[in-house]
C-alpha atoms as a PDB file:
ATOM      1  CA  MET A   1      -0.180  -0.016   0.097  1.00  0.00           C
ATOM      2  CA  ASP A   2       1.212   3.645  -0.627  1.00  0.00           C
ATOM      3  CA  SER A   3       0.196   6.705   0.610  1.00  0.00           C
ATOM      4  CA  ILE A   4      -0.544  10.372   0.118  1.00  0.00           C
ATOM      5  CA  ARG A   5      -1.594  13.278   2.257  1.00  0.00           C
ATOM      6  CA  CYS A   6      -4.614  15.791   1.676  1.00  0.00           C
ATOM      7  CA  LYS A   7      -3.272  18.938   0.417  1.00  0.00           C
ATOM      8  CA  GLU A   8      -6.203  20.134   2.206  1.00  0.00           C
ATOM      9  CA  CYS A   9      -6.258  18.791   5.583  1.00  0.00           C
ATOM     10  CA  ASP A  10      -2.819  16.766   5.898  1.00  0.00           C
ATOM     11  CA  HIS A  11      -4.513  13.901   6.263  1.00  0.00           C
ATOM     12  CA  GLU A  12      -2.826  10.557   5.323  1.00  0.00           C
ATOM     13  CA  ILE A  13      -4.610   8.480   2.775  1.00  0.00           C
ATOM     14  CA  TYR A  14      -3.878   4.593   2.276  1.00  0.00           C
ATOM     15  CA  TYR A  15      -4.638   3.398  -1.286  1.00  0.00           C
ATOM     16  CA  LYS A  16      -3.587   0.278  -3.926  1.00  0.00           C
ATOM     17  CA  PRO A  17      -1.830   1.816  -7.062  1.00  0.00           C
ATOM     18  CA  CYS A  18      -3.864   1.170 -10.107  1.00  0.00           C
ATOM     19  CA  ALA A  19      -3.465   2.492 -13.439  1.00  0.00           C
ATOM     20  CA  ASN A  20      -6.202   5.181 -13.254  1.00  0.00           C
ATOM     21  CA  PHE A  21      -7.730   6.696 -10.249  1.00  0.00           C
ATOM     22  CA  ILE A  22      -9.133   9.834  -8.343  1.00  0.00           C
ATOM     23  CA  MET A  23      -8.664  10.331  -4.672  1.00  0.00           C
ATOM     24  CA  PHE A  24     -10.825  12.187  -2.452  1.00  0.00           C
ATOM     25  CA  CYS A  25      -9.795  12.714   1.285  1.00  0.00           C
ATOM     26  CA  GLN A  26     -12.312  10.762   3.548  1.00  0.00           C
ATOM     27  CA  LYS A  27     -11.800  13.524   6.133  1.00  0.00           C
ATOM     28  CA  CYS A  28     -12.243  16.637   4.269  1.00  0.00           C
ATOM     29  CA  LEU A  29     -13.830  15.420   1.108  1.00  0.00           C
ATOM     30  CA  LYS A  30     -11.833  17.251  -1.116  1.00  0.00           C
ATOM     31  CA  TYR A  31      -9.739  16.202  -4.493  1.00  0.00           C
ATOM     32  CA  THR A  32      -6.620  14.805  -3.484  1.00  0.00           C
ATOM     33  CA  TYR A  33      -4.898  13.183  -6.214  1.00  0.00           C
ATOM     34  CA  LEU A  34      -5.208  11.848  -9.612  1.00  0.00           C
ATOM     35  CA  GLU A  35      -3.198   9.274 -11.438  1.00  0.00           C
ATOM     36  CA  CYS A  36      -3.928   8.390 -15.191  1.00  0.00           C
ATOM     37  CA  GLU A  37      -2.351   7.227 -18.132  1.00  0.00           C
ATOM     38  CA  PHE A  38      -2.546  10.472 -20.235  1.00  0.00           C
ATOM     39  CA  GLY A  39      -0.589  10.299 -22.799  1.00  0.00           C
ATOM     40  CA  TYR A  40       0.387   6.829 -22.487  1.00  0.00           C
ATOM     41  CA  GLY A  41      -2.855   5.147 -22.791  1.00  0.00           C
ATOM     42  CA  SER A  42      -6.688   5.063 -22.053  1.00  0.00           C
ATOM     43  CA  VAL A  43      -7.961   7.425 -19.192  1.00  0.00           C
ATOM     44  CA  ALA A  44     -10.866   5.136 -18.505  1.00  0.00           C
ATOM     45  CA  PRO A  45     -11.903   3.407 -16.828  1.00  0.00           C
ATOM     46  CA  CYS A  46     -11.066   5.471 -14.107  1.00  0.00           C
ATOM     47  CA  HIS A  47     -12.160   4.614 -10.554  1.00  0.00           C
ATOM     48  CA  ILE A  48     -12.742   7.425  -7.980  1.00  0.00           C
ATOM     49  CA  TYR A  49     -12.640   6.763  -4.301  1.00  0.00           C
ATOM     50  CA  LEU A  50     -13.066   8.779  -0.846  1.00  0.00           C
ATOM     51  CA  GLY A  51     -10.753   6.975   0.932  1.00  0.00           C
ATOM     52  CA  LYS A  52     -10.872   3.373   0.162  1.00  0.00           C
ATOM     53  CA  LYS A  53     -14.056   3.107  -0.333  1.00  0.00           C
ATOM     54  CA  LYS A  54     -15.083   3.137  -4.172  1.00  0.00           C
ATOM     55  CA  ILE A  55     -17.621   6.184  -5.087  1.00  0.00           C
ATOM     56  CA  GLY A  56     -17.866   6.500  -8.851  1.00  0.00           C
ATOM     57  CA  VAL A  57     -16.508   5.488 -12.398  1.00  0.00           C
ATOM     58  CA  VAL A  58     -15.467   7.466 -15.530  1.00  0.00           C
ATOM     59  CA  ILE A  59     -16.375   5.063 -18.381  1.00  0.00           C
ATOM     60  CA  GLU A  60     -15.714   5.494 -22.131  1.00  0.00           C
ATOM     61  CA  LYS A  61     -17.868   4.701 -24.812  1.00  0.00           C
ATOM     62  CA  GLU A  62     -17.858   5.162 -28.323  1.00  0.00           C
ATOM     63  CA  TYR A  63     -15.618   8.439 -27.994  1.00  0.00           C
ATOM     64  CA  SER A  64     -17.933   9.875 -25.173  1.00  0.00           C
ATOM     65  CA  TYR A  65     -17.238   9.455 -21.878  1.00  0.00           C
ATOM     66  CA  PHE A  66     -19.567   8.987 -18.793  1.00  0.00           C
ATOM     67  CA  LEU A  67     -19.434   9.280 -15.176  1.00  0.00           C
ATOM     68  CA  LYS A  68     -21.388   6.456 -12.896  1.00  0.00           C
ATOM     69  CA  THR A  69     -21.823   7.558  -9.179  1.00  0.00           C
ATOM     70  CA  ARG A  70     -23.572   6.811  -6.043  1.00  0.00           C
ATOM     71  CA  TYR A  71     -24.266  10.608  -5.700  1.00  0.00           C
ATOM     72  CA  ALA A  72     -26.086  10.273  -8.934  1.00  0.00           C
ATOM     73  CA  ASP A  73     -29.466   8.612  -9.870  1.00  0.00           C
ATOM     74  CA  LYS A  74     -28.448   8.176 -13.200  1.00  0.00           C
ATOM     75  CA  ILE A  75     -25.330   7.698 -15.633  1.00  0.00           C
ATOM     76  CA  ILE A  76     -23.898  11.178 -16.527  1.00  0.00           C
ATOM     77  CA  LYS A  77     -22.880  12.335 -19.803  1.00  0.00           C
ATOM     78  CA  LEU A  78     -19.548  14.307 -19.541  1.00  0.00           C
ATOM     79  CA  GLU A  79     -18.943  17.206 -22.048  1.00  0.00           C
ATOM     80  CA  ARG A  80     -15.536  16.748 -22.115  1.00  0.00           C
ATOM     81  CA  LYS A  81     -12.712  14.326 -23.466  1.00  0.00           C
ATOM     82  CA  TYR A  82      -9.919  12.471 -21.957  1.00  0.00           C
ATOM     83  CA  LEU A  83      -7.959  14.349 -19.247  1.00  0.00           C
ATOM     84  CA  GLU A  84     -10.793  17.108 -19.178  1.00  0.00           C
ATOM     85  CA  ALA A  85     -13.258  14.340 -18.458  1.00  0.00           C
ATOM     86  CA  LEU A  86     -11.602  13.200 -15.354  1.00  0.00           C
ATOM     87  CA  GLN A  87     -11.435  16.799 -14.281  1.00  0.00           C
ATOM     88  CA  GLU A  88     -15.156  17.271 -15.233  1.00  0.00           C
ATOM     89  CA  ALA A  89     -15.543  14.269 -13.020  1.00  0.00           C
ATOM     90  CA  ILE A  90     -14.046  15.709  -9.977  1.00  0.00           C
ATOM     91  CA  LYS A  91     -15.806  18.987 -10.238  1.00  0.00           C
ATOM     92  CA  ILE A  92     -19.184  17.027 -10.213  1.00  0.00           C
ATOM     93  CA  ILE A  93     -18.280  14.629  -7.351  1.00  0.00           C
ATOM     94  CA  GLU A  94     -16.909  17.506  -5.249  1.00  0.00           C
ATOM     95  CA  SER A  95     -20.246  19.275  -5.569  1.00  0.00           C
ATOM     96  CA  LYS A  96     -21.975  16.227  -4.612  1.00  0.00           C
ATOM     97  CA  ILE A  97     -20.055  14.897  -1.533  1.00  0.00           C
ATOM     98  CA  GLU A  98     -19.952  18.564  -0.179  1.00  0.00           C
ATOM     99  CA  ASN A  99     -23.852  18.560   0.178  1.00  0.00           C
END
């Protein structure tokens, strides 16, 4: 297991490295870290975690990107592509988990 520190609250977050993932801090609920294969391979699927708990995934289908998350009743079609789609997903998740 690896660990990172939240840039907002300095909480230590343990995680299992994988190809594409987004991490939110389970303490302050802020976006903390993104690791993806942008420039080397596909950025999707990209798993989204709140600490160790999986809370969503960004998938690609027919050159479009979609966000599946427990914080929305339906799958959200993202407007952007590639890395920008992941950044769009981060903003959506941030708005959902802070409420």
